[in-house]
Protein backbone atom coordinates (compact mmCIF):
# COMPACT_ATOMS: atom_id res chain seq x y z
CA LEU A 1 -15.24 5.73 -27.84
CA PHE A 2 -13.64 9.12 -28.40
CA TYR A 3 -16.71 10.83 -26.90
CA VAL A 4 -16.56 8.51 -23.88
CA LYS A 5 -12.88 9.32 -23.38
CA ARG A 6 -13.62 13.02 -23.70
CA CYS A 7 -16.33 12.70 -21.02
CA GLN A 8 -13.93 10.82 -18.80
CA ALA A 9 -11.30 13.52 -19.30
CA ASP A 10 -13.88 16.17 -18.34
CA GLU A 11 -14.75 14.13 -15.27
CA ILE A 12 -11.07 13.93 -14.33
CA THR A 13 -10.69 17.70 -14.75
CA ARG A 14 -13.76 18.22 -12.58
CA LEU A 15 -12.33 15.95 -9.91
CA GLN A 16 -9.03 17.78 -10.12
CA SER A 17 -10.80 21.12 -9.70
CA THR A 18 -12.63 19.78 -6.65
CA ILE A 19 -9.32 18.53 -5.27
CA GLU A 20 -7.81 21.96 -5.80
CA GLU A 21 -10.78 23.58 -4.03
CA THR A 22 -10.42 21.21 -1.09
CA ASN A 23 -6.69 21.90 -0.99
CA ASN A 24 -7.42 25.63 -0.93
CA ARG A 25 -9.90 25.11 1.90
CA LEU A 26 -7.32 23.05 3.73
CA SER A 27 -4.72 25.78 3.27
CA VAL A 28 -7.19 28.40 4.59
CA ASN A 29 -8.02 26.22 7.59
CA GLN A 30 -4.32 25.62 8.18
CA LYS A 31 -3.68 29.36 8.12
CA ARG A 32 -6.49 29.90 10.60
CA ALA A 33 -5.15 27.16 12.82
CA GLU A 34 -1.67 28.67 12.65
CA GLU A 35 -3.04 32.10 13.55
CA ARG A 36 -4.90 30.64 16.50
CA GLU A 37 -1.81 28.74 17.54
CA MET A 38 0.07 32.03 17.47
CA ARG A 39 -2.62 33.53 19.69
CA LEU A 40 -2.35 30.54 22.00
CA ARG A 41 1.40 31.01 22.17
CA LYS A 42 0.93 34.68 23.00
CA LEU A 43 -1.53 33.76 25.74
CA GLU A 44 0.86 31.14 27.06
CA ASN A 45 3.66 33.69 27.10
CA GLU A 46 1.41 36.13 28.96
CA ASN A 47 0.51 33.31 31.32
CA HIS A 48 4.18 32.62 31.96
CA ASP A 49 4.80 36.32 32.55
CA LEU A 50 1.94 36.45 35.05
CA LEU A 51 3.29 33.36 36.77
CA ASP A 52 6.69 35.02 36.99
CA GLU A 53 5.06 38.13 38.48
CA ILE A 54 3.16 35.98 40.98
CA HIS A 55 6.38 34.19 41.96
CA GLY A 56 8.09 37.56 42.38
CA LEU A 57 5.23 38.81 44.55
CA ARG A 58 5.42 35.66 46.63
CA LYS A 59 9.13 36.13 47.11
CA GLY A 60 8.55 39.74 48.16
CA ASN A 61 5.81 38.55 50.50
CA THR A 62 8.09 36.01 52.13
CA GLU A 63 10.82 38.64 52.48
CA LEU A 64 8.36 41.02 54.15
CA GLU A 65 7.21 38.24 56.46
CA SER A 66 10.79 37.48 57.39
CA GLN A 67 11.42 41.19 58.09
CA ILE A 68 8.26 41.34 60.25
CA ASP A 69 9.35 38.25 62.14
CA SER A 70 12.81 39.73 62.70
CA LEU A 71 11.25 42.97 64.01
CA ARG A 72 9.02 40.97 66.33
CA GLN A 73 12.02 39.08 67.57
CA ARG A 74 13.88 42.34 68.23
CA LEU A 75 10.92 43.79 70.11
CA LEU A 76 10.61 40.68 72.23
CA ASP A 77 14.36 40.69 72.91
CA ARG A 78 14.23 44.32 74.00
CA GLN A 79 11.23 43.69 76.22
CA GLU A 80 13.01 40.74 77.80
CA SER A 81 16.18 42.84 78.29
CA THR A 82 14.22 45.62 80.02
CA GLU A 83 12.47 43.07 82.23
CA SER A 84 15.77 41.45 83.18
CA VAL A 85 17.35 44.84 84.10
CA THR A 86 14.46 46.19 86.18
CA GLY A 87 13.06 42.90 87.48
CA VAL A 88 9.56 44.38 87.15
CA PRO A 89 7.02 43.21 84.58
CA LEU A 90 6.40 45.40 81.59
CA THR A 91 2.83 46.08 82.59
CA SER A 92 3.99 48.96 84.73
CA THR A 93 3.79 52.25 82.93
CA ARG A 94 7.00 53.62 84.50
CA ILE A 95 9.31 51.00 82.94
CA TYR A 96 7.42 50.92 79.63
CA GLN A 97 7.84 54.67 79.07
CA PRO A 98 11.60 54.54 78.01
CA SER A 99 10.76 52.02 75.25
CA MET A 100 7.83 54.00 73.83
CA GLY A 101 10.00 55.54 71.13
CA LEU A 102 11.16 52.14 69.92
CA SER A 103 7.61 50.74 69.95
CA THR A 104 6.30 53.72 67.96
CA THR A 105 9.04 53.33 65.36
CA SER A 106 8.41 49.60 65.14
CA SER A 107 4.65 50.18 64.84
CA GLN A 108 5.25 52.71 62.06
CA GLU A 109 7.48 50.23 60.28
CA LEU A 110 4.83 47.56 60.77
CA ASP A 111 2.19 49.86 59.31
CA ARG A 112 4.42 50.57 56.35
CA LEU A 113 5.03 46.88 55.84
CA ARG A 114 1.31 46.20 56.14
CA LYS A 115 0.60 48.81 53.47
CA GLN A 116 3.20 47.22 51.22
CA TYR A 117 1.67 43.85 51.95
CA THR A 118 -1.84 45.08 51.09
CA GLU A 119 -0.54 46.63 47.87
CA MET A 120 1.21 43.38 46.98
CA LYS A 121 -1.94 41.49 47.88
CA ILE A 122 -4.01 43.71 45.56
CA SER A 123 -1.47 43.28 42.75
CA CYS A 124 -1.48 39.52 43.37
CA GLU A 125 -5.28 39.45 43.15
CA GLN A 126 -5.15 41.46 39.93
CA ALA A 127 -2.56 39.07 38.53
CA GLN A 128 -4.76 36.15 39.59
CA LYS A 129 -7.76 37.72 37.81
CA SER A 130 -5.73 38.37 34.66
CA PHE A 131 -4.45 34.80 34.84
CA GLU A 132 -8.02 33.51 35.08
CA GLU A 133 -9.04 35.67 32.10
CA THR A 134 -6.12 34.38 30.07
CA GLN A 135 -7.02 30.84 31.14
CA ILE A 136 -10.58 31.41 29.86
CA GLN A 137 -9.22 32.80 26.58
CA TYR A 138 -6.87 29.81 26.37
CA ASP A 139 -9.79 27.41 26.82
CA GLN A 140 -11.79 29.24 24.14
CA MET A 141 -8.87 29.07 21.73
CA LYS A 142 -8.48 25.37 22.50
CA ILE A 143 -12.14 24.80 21.68
CA GLN A 144 -11.71 26.67 18.39
CA TYR A 145 -8.57 24.65 17.68
CA ASP A 146 -10.46 21.40 18.27
CA HIS A 147 -13.23 22.62 15.94
CA LEU A 148 -10.67 23.42 13.25
CA GLN A 149 -9.07 20.02 13.79
CA VAL A 150 -12.43 18.36 13.17
CA GLN A 151 -12.89 20.43 9.99
CA TYR A 152 -9.39 19.45 8.89
CA GLU A 153 -10.16 15.76 9.40
CA GLN A 154 -13.36 16.13 7.35
CA GLU A 155 -11.49 17.86 4.53
CA ASN A 156 -8.79 15.19 4.70
CA GLU A 157 -11.43 12.48 4.32
CA LYS A 158 -12.87 14.33 1.31
CA CYS A 159 -9.38 14.49 -0.21
CA LYS A 160 -8.94 10.76 0.32
CA LYS A 161 -12.27 10.07 -1.40
CA LEU A 162 -11.30 12.28 -4.33
CA GLU A 163 -7.93 10.53 -4.58
CA GLU A 164 -9.73 7.18 -4.70
CA GLN A 165 -11.98 8.48 -7.49
CA LEU A 166 -8.91 9.72 -9.35
CA ARG A 167 -7.28 6.31 -9.00
CA ASN A 168 -10.40 4.65 -10.38
CA LYS A 169 -10.37 7.04 -13.35
CA ILE A 170 -6.69 6.27 -13.92
CA ASN A 171 -7.46 2.55 -13.90
CA GLU A 172 -10.25 3.13 -16.42
CA LEU A 173 -7.85 5.08 -18.62
CA ASN A 174 -5.33 2.25 -18.40
CA GLU A 175 -8.05 -0.18 -19.50
CA GLN A 176 -8.93 2.10 -22.41
CA ILE A 177 -5.26 2.29 -23.37
CA SER A 178 -5.14 -1.51 -23.41
CA ASP A 179 -8.28 -1.48 -25.59
CA THR A 180 -6.61 0.93 -28.01
CA ARG A 181 -3.63 -1.39 -28.13
CA THR A 182 -5.92 -4.25 -29.05
CA SER A 183 -7.62 -2.01 -31.64
CA THR A 184 -4.31 -1.75 -33.51
CA GLN A 185 -4.92 -5.27 -34.82
CA PRO A 186 -6.93 -3.98 -37.85
CA THR A 187 -3.76 -2.27 -39.07
CA HIS A 188 -2.10 -5.68 -39.27
CA GLN A 189 -5.12 -6.91 -41.21
CA LEU A 190 -4.72 -3.99 -43.61
CA THR A 191 -1.07 -4.87 -44.16
CA LEU A 192 -2.09 -8.45 -44.96
CA LYS A 193 -4.71 -7.19 -47.44
CA ILE A 194 -2.11 -4.95 -49.07
CA GLU A 195 0.25 -7.91 -49.45
CA GLU A 196 -2.56 -9.93 -51.06
CA LEU A 197 -3.23 -7.07 -53.49
CA HIS A 198 0.47 -6.96 -54.35
CA LYS A 199 0.37 -10.67 -55.12
CA GLU A 200 -2.71 -10.18 -57.33
CA LEU A 201 -0.92 -7.37 -59.18
CA GLU A 202 2.05 -9.65 -59.76
CA ARG A 203 -0.30 -12.31 -61.14
CA LYS A 204 -1.92 -9.77 -63.46
CA GLU A 205 1.50 -8.64 -64.62
CA ALA A 206 2.42 -12.26 -65.29
CA GLN A 207 -0.78 -12.66 -67.31
CA ILE A 208 0.03 -9.48 -69.25
CA THR A 209 3.52 -10.76 -70.02
CA CYS A 210 2.02 -14.05 -71.22
CA LEU A 211 -0.36 -12.15 -73.49
CA ASN A 212 2.51 -10.08 -74.82
CA LYS A 213 4.44 -13.24 -75.60
CA GLN A 214 1.43 -14.68 -77.42
CA ILE A 215 1.08 -11.47 -79.42
CA ASP A 216 4.77 -11.59 -80.32
CA ARG A 217 4.47 -15.20 -81.44
CA GLN A 218 1.43 -14.47 -83.56
CA TYR A 219 3.15 -11.43 -85.03
CA THR A 220 6.16 -13.55 -85.97
CA SER A 221 3.89 -16.21 -87.44
CA LEU A 222 2.13 -13.56 -89.49
CA SER A 223 5.39 -12.11 -90.67
CA THR A 224 6.75 -15.56 -91.69
CA THR A 225 3.62 -16.61 -93.65
CA PRO A 226 2.66 -13.71 -95.96
CA ASP A 227 0.64 -16.00 -98.26
CA ALA A 228 -1.80 -17.00 -95.59
CA ARG A 229 -2.74 -13.41 -94.79
CA HIS A 230 -5.94 -13.45 -96.73
CA THR A 231 -7.14 -16.71 -95.25
CA ASP A 232 -6.28 -15.77 -91.66
CA SER A 233 -7.60 -12.21 -91.67
CA THR A 234 -10.73 -13.22 -89.78
CA ASN A 235 -8.65 -15.08 -87.21
CA GLN A 236 -6.43 -12.04 -86.76
CA GLN A 237 -9.42 -9.79 -86.23
CA LEU A 238 -10.82 -12.18 -83.65
CA LEU A 239 -7.45 -12.35 -81.97
CA ILE A 240 -7.17 -8.56 -81.88
CA ALA A 241 -10.66 -8.29 -80.41
CA ASP A 242 -9.79 -10.93 -77.80
CA LEU A 243 -6.57 -9.12 -76.99
CA GLN A 244 -8.41 -5.83 -76.68
CA VAL A 245 -10.98 -7.42 -74.33
CA ARG A 246 -8.21 -8.96 -72.24
CA LEU A 247 -6.37 -5.64 -72.15
CA ARG A 248 -9.49 -3.81 -71.02
CA GLN A 249 -10.14 -6.43 -68.37
CA ALA A 250 -6.55 -6.20 -67.16
CA ILE A 251 -6.80 -2.39 -67.04
CA GLU A 252 -10.09 -2.64 -65.13
CA ASP A 253 -8.57 -5.16 -62.70
CA ARG A 254 -5.58 -2.89 -62.25
CA ASP A 255 -7.83 0.13 -61.58
CA ILE A 256 -9.92 -1.86 -59.11
CA ALA A 257 -6.80 -3.07 -57.30
CA ARG A 258 -5.43 0.45 -57.27
CA GLU A 259 -8.69 1.82 -55.85
CA GLN A 260 -8.74 -0.88 -53.18
CA LEU A 261 -5.14 -0.10 -52.31
CA THR A 262 -5.86 3.63 -52.04
CA THR A 263 -8.97 3.02 -49.91
CA ASN A 264 -7.06 0.68 -47.62
CA LEU A 265 -4.24 3.19 -47.35
CA THR A 266 -6.65 6.04 -46.58
CA ARG A 267 -8.32 3.88 -43.94
CA ALA A 268 -4.94 3.05 -42.45
CA GLU A 269 -3.97 6.74 -42.48
CA THR A 270 -7.24 7.82 -40.85
CA SER A 271 -6.93 5.08 -38.22
CA THR A 272 -3.33 6.09 -37.53
CA LEU A 273 -4.35 9.76 -37.30
CA ASP A 274 -7.14 8.86 -34.88
CA ILE A 275 -4.72 6.79 -32.85
CA GLN A 276 -2.21 9.65 -32.83
CA GLN A 277 -4.87 12.15 -31.73
CA GLN A 278 -6.07 9.79 -29.03
CA TYR A 279 -2.47 9.24 -27.96
CA MET A 280 -1.88 12.99 -27.72
CA LEU A 281 -5.03 13.45 -25.65
CA ASP A 282 -4.11 10.54 -23.39
CA LYS A 283 -0.59 11.91 -23.10
CA GLN A 284 -1.86 15.37 -22.13
CA ASN A 285 -4.27 13.88 -19.61
CA LEU A 286 -1.53 11.70 -18.14
CA GLN A 287 0.84 14.65 -17.94
CA GLN A 288 -1.84 16.68 -16.18
CA GLN A 289 -2.44 13.79 -13.82
CA ILE A 290 1.30 13.52 -13.16
CA THR A 291 1.50 17.24 -12.36
CA ASN A 292 -1.52 16.95 -10.08
CA LEU A 293 -0.05 13.90 -8.38
CA THR A 294 3.30 15.65 -7.92
CA GLN A 295 1.43 18.60 -6.44
CA SER A 296 -0.45 16.25 -4.12
CA VAL A 297 2.86 14.61 -3.17
CA GLN A 298 4.30 18.05 -2.43
CA ASN A 299 1.22 18.90 -0.36
CA ALA A 300 1.56 15.61 1.49
CA THR A 301 5.23 16.33 2.25
CA ASN A 302 4.29 19.80 3.45
CA GLU A 303 1.57 18.33 5.63
CA SER A 304 3.99 15.76 7.05
CA GLU A 305 6.49 18.51 7.83
CA ARG A 306 3.74 20.57 9.43
CA TYR A 307 2.65 17.58 11.48
CA GLN A 308 6.23 17.09 12.61
CA ARG A 309 6.45 20.73 13.63
CA GLU A 310 3.15 20.48 15.48
CA PHE A 311 4.35 17.30 17.17
CA LYS A 312 7.53 19.05 18.32
CA GLN A 313 5.54 22.04 19.54
CA ALA A 314 3.10 19.77 21.36
CA SER A 315 5.97 17.87 22.99
CA SER A 316 7.59 21.15 24.10
CA ARG A 317 4.18 22.29 25.39
CA VAL A 318 3.83 19.04 27.32
CA GLN A 319 7.27 19.57 28.83
CA GLN A 320 6.36 23.13 29.84
CA LEU A 321 3.10 21.99 31.39
CA SER A 322 4.89 19.18 33.21
CA ARG A 323 7.31 21.74 34.63
CA GLN A 324 4.38 23.95 35.65
CA LEU A 325 2.72 20.94 37.24
CA GLN A 326 5.86 20.15 39.21
CA GLU A 327 6.11 23.78 40.34
CA THR A 328 2.46 23.86 41.39
CA GLN A 329 2.86 20.56 43.23
CA SER A 330 5.91 21.91 45.06
CA ASN A 331 3.96 25.10 45.86
CA CYS A 332 1.08 22.98 47.14
CA THR A 333 3.39 21.02 49.40
CA VAL A 334 4.96 24.25 50.69
CA THR A 335 1.55 25.80 51.34
CA ASN A 336 0.34 22.64 53.05
CA ILE A 337 3.41 22.67 55.32
CA PHE A 338 3.73 26.39 56.03
CA GLY A 339 0.16 27.61 55.35
CA ILE A 340 -0.91 28.75 58.84
CA SER A 341 -3.74 31.21 59.19
CA SER A 342 -2.67 34.59 60.57
CA SER A 343 -4.21 36.16 63.64
CA THR A 344 -6.26 39.35 63.54
CA SER A 345 -3.85 41.22 65.84
CA GLY A 346 -0.74 42.98 64.63
CA MET A 347 1.65 40.90 66.82
CA ARG A 348 2.29 37.15 66.98
CA PRO A 349 4.92 35.02 68.75
CA ALA A 350 8.40 34.61 67.36
CA SER A 351 8.16 30.83 67.40
CA ALA A 352 5.65 30.98 64.54
CA GLY A 353 7.09 30.43 61.09
CA PRO A 354 6.79 32.83 58.15
CA GLY A 355 3.13 33.37 57.30
CA ASN A 356 0.53 35.93 56.27
CA TYR A 357 -1.65 38.21 58.30
CA ASP A 358 -4.73 37.61 56.16
CA ASN A 359 -6.07 34.70 54.21
CA ILE A 360 -4.51 34.95 50.71
CA PRO A 361 -5.79 32.69 47.90
CA LEU A 362 -2.55 31.05 46.88
CA TYR A 363 -1.97 29.93 43.31
CA GLY A 364 -1.46 26.25 42.69
CA THR A 365 -4.20 24.67 44.78
CA THR A 366 -5.46 21.15 44.17
CA PRO A 367 -8.02 22.06 41.41
CA GLY A 368 -5.20 23.73 39.44
CA THR A 369 -3.09 20.57 39.59
CA ILE A 370 -6.06 18.48 38.45
CA GLN A 371 -6.65 20.86 35.54
CA LEU A 372 -2.99 20.74 34.53
CA SER A 373 -2.96 16.93 34.69
CA ARG A 374 -6.06 16.86 32.47
CA GLU A 375 -4.37 19.29 30.09
CA MET A 376 -1.31 17.04 29.96
CA ASP A 377 -3.46 13.98 29.22
CA ARG A 378 -5.26 15.86 26.47
CA LEU A 379 -1.96 17.01 24.97
CA HIS A 380 -0.65 13.43 25.08
CA ARG A 381 -3.74 12.34 23.17
CA GLU A 382 -3.18 15.15 20.66
CA CYS A 383 0.43 14.01 20.22
CA GLU A 384 -0.72 10.46 19.51
CA HIS A 385 -3.31 11.76 17.06
CA LEU A 386 -0.66 13.85 15.29
CA GLN A 387 1.62 10.82 15.09
CA ASN A 388 -1.17 8.81 13.45
CA GLN A 389 -1.84 11.64 10.99
CA LEU A 390 1.88 11.79 10.21
CA ARG A 391 1.93 8.07 9.48
CA THR A 392 -1.12 8.28 7.23
CA SER A 393 0.37 11.24 5.35
CA GLN A 394 3.63 9.33 4.83
CA GLU A 395 1.69 6.31 3.53
CA SER A 396 -0.32 8.50 1.14
CA GLU A 397 2.91 10.12 -0.03
CA GLN A 398 4.41 6.70 -0.79
CA GLU A 399 1.26 5.66 -2.68
CA ALA A 400 1.39 8.86 -4.72
CA HIS A 401 5.04 8.17 -5.60
CA ASN A 402 4.09 4.67 -6.76
CA LEU A 403 1.25 6.06 -8.89
CA VAL A 404 3.61 8.56 -10.51
CA ASP A 405 6.08 5.78 -11.33
CA ASN A 406 3.32 3.64 -12.87
CA LEU A 407 2.09 6.55 -14.99
CA LYS A 408 5.62 7.23 -16.20
CA ASN A 409 5.96 3.58 -17.25
CA ASP A 410 2.62 3.79 -19.09
CA ILE A 411 3.78 6.91 -20.92
CA LYS A 412 6.98 5.15 -21.99
CA ASN A 413 4.98 2.19 -23.32
CA LEU A 414 2.66 4.52 -25.23
CA THR A 415 5.59 6.37 -26.79
CA ASN A 416 7.05 3.05 -27.93
CA ASP A 417 3.69 2.06 -29.45
CA VAL A 418 3.44 5.38 -31.29
CA GLU A 419 6.94 4.98 -32.68
CA GLN A 420 5.97 1.53 -33.95
CA PHE A 421 2.85 3.00 -35.57
CA LYS A 422 4.95 5.67 -37.26
CA GLU A 423 7.33 3.05 -38.63
CA GLN A 424 4.40 1.03 -39.97
CA ILE A 425 2.97 4.16 -41.62
CA LYS A 426 6.31 4.89 -43.28
CA GLU A 427 6.53 1.33 -44.60
CA LEU A 428 2.97 1.55 -45.95
CA GLU A 429 3.74 4.85 -47.69
CA LYS A 430 6.85 3.33 -49.28
CA GLN A 431 4.85 0.35 -50.49
CA LYS A 432 2.18 2.69 -51.85
CA ASN A 433 4.71 4.74 -53.81
CA GLU A 434 6.38 1.61 -55.17
CA CYS A 435 3.03 0.16 -56.23
CA ASN A 436 2.02 3.40 -57.93
CA ASN A 437 5.31 3.59 -59.81
CA GLU A 438 5.10 -0.06 -60.86
CA LEU A 439 1.49 0.32 -62.01
CA VAL A 440 2.23 3.46 -64.01
CA SER A 441 5.29 1.94 -65.66
CA ALA A 442 3.48 -1.33 -66.46
CA PHE A 443 0.48 0.55 -67.85
CA LEU A 444 2.67 2.72 -70.09
CA ILE A 445 4.64 -0.26 -71.35
CA GLU A 446 1.53 -2.28 -72.11
CA THR A 447 -0.23 0.59 -73.87
CA PHE A 448 2.89 1.26 -75.95
CA ARG A 449 3.16 -2.41 -76.94
CA LEU A 450 -0.51 -2.69 -77.82
CA PHE A 451 -0.31 0.52 -79.83
CA ILE A 452 2.67 -0.82 -81.81
CA ILE A 453 0.92 -4.16 -82.37
CA PHE A 454 -2.23 -2.40 -83.52
CA ILE A 455 -0.24 -0.23 -85.94
CA LEU A 456 1.57 -3.26 -87.38
CA ILE A 457 -1.63 -5.24 -87.79
CA SER A 458 -3.40 -2.30 -89.41
CA ASP A 459 -0.44 -1.84 -91.80
CA GLU A 460 -0.58 -5.51 -92.77
CA PHE A 461 -4.32 -5.32 -93.37
CA PHE A 462 -3.86 -2.17 -95.44
CA CYS A 463 -1.13 -3.81 -97.52
CA GLY A 464 -3.27 -6.94 -98.06
CA ASP A 465 -6.24 -4.88 -99.18
CA CYS A 466 -4.08 -2.95 -101.64
CA SER A 467 -2.65 -6.14 -103.13
CA ASN A 468 -6.15 -7.58 -103.52
CA PHE A 469 -7.31 -4.38 -105.17
CA ASN A 470 -4.38 -4.45 -107.60
CA GLY A 471 -5.00 -8.08 -108.37
């Protein structure tokens, strides 16, 4: 049984080591996930910066378009004013010559604005390319994050399996503890045997006292009848031989009872020592299990806190993406309303609204909105998954607390049982010492009495022989 318990303890230590290894793997995977989340945050920040730059470029573009439209309006107003003054259409070269300076200045300004527009267009395209690159990196990081999430779920399942194995081992240990409690019944049997031996010793002592009384009576009868000494010498010798045989038998019975008592006491001591050793081993194993369970509870609390943080981050990310979706939808509506293709010529009528000269790929088209809506749906699913993980971690934490409480109660019960065993051992030692003292005192008294009786009888025989010789 001790070997089986030792094997079970080794198995528990092995399971604990595997749990520690899985926890280390989980911590490494968590660190990797946190690092990749930091990278994702950096990419998101860069994405936001690029979006801000794009918005700034769009604002500058609209301002340039408004300036171009205002210049067109001025040119048209001046042309109309010259036509109204002269009454001749502007196709004539004579009337168009005074306004050549203004047209050249306006054309120069238009060229400058076109250059600025082309530069802003190039910068916008570069920002769009960088945004696409960051979007690709973001998708790659998301794929890696999903892969790490799958690994984390696998490791979490392994941890759950190991916890179930640990619970089964704890239940087996509890059953073994109950078996050890039932095995304490032989100690009660030993106490009953010791009580029976005490009763037998009392009987033997009563027999010895009866024999002593008989010897005293016979000694008095011998002392009162000195004339019958010669006739009863044979009877006295027979009586002395009988008394010696009885004394030897009583001494042998006493030695046998003493040996039985010592053997029973040694058995009780060895059984109590074995029980104490087993109790210490069980106590150490239970303490180790309690420390491991407290560590697992701490890990579960840390995981729940981490899940809460991730849930908050995911909710904030969903809010940011919803804002981006609203902005892109508003941009789409604006582009659908005001997105008119520009003409190839440098001039266009003043009635036209603000627009571009060339076809510019605007950010926030319909595929972008679809992608953002998909991203929001995926993030909502991730939030639900994190909520479920948080619930499971809280349930596992509660179960671990219950296991710790049960183990503490078992330890208290075992300590009470050990204290009872110690009290029983002390009582047995007291009884052993008392029995030894009583046996030694009774043996000394009986030997002293028998020695005195033997001396008196030998003196009487010697006196009788002398009187017969003198006669």
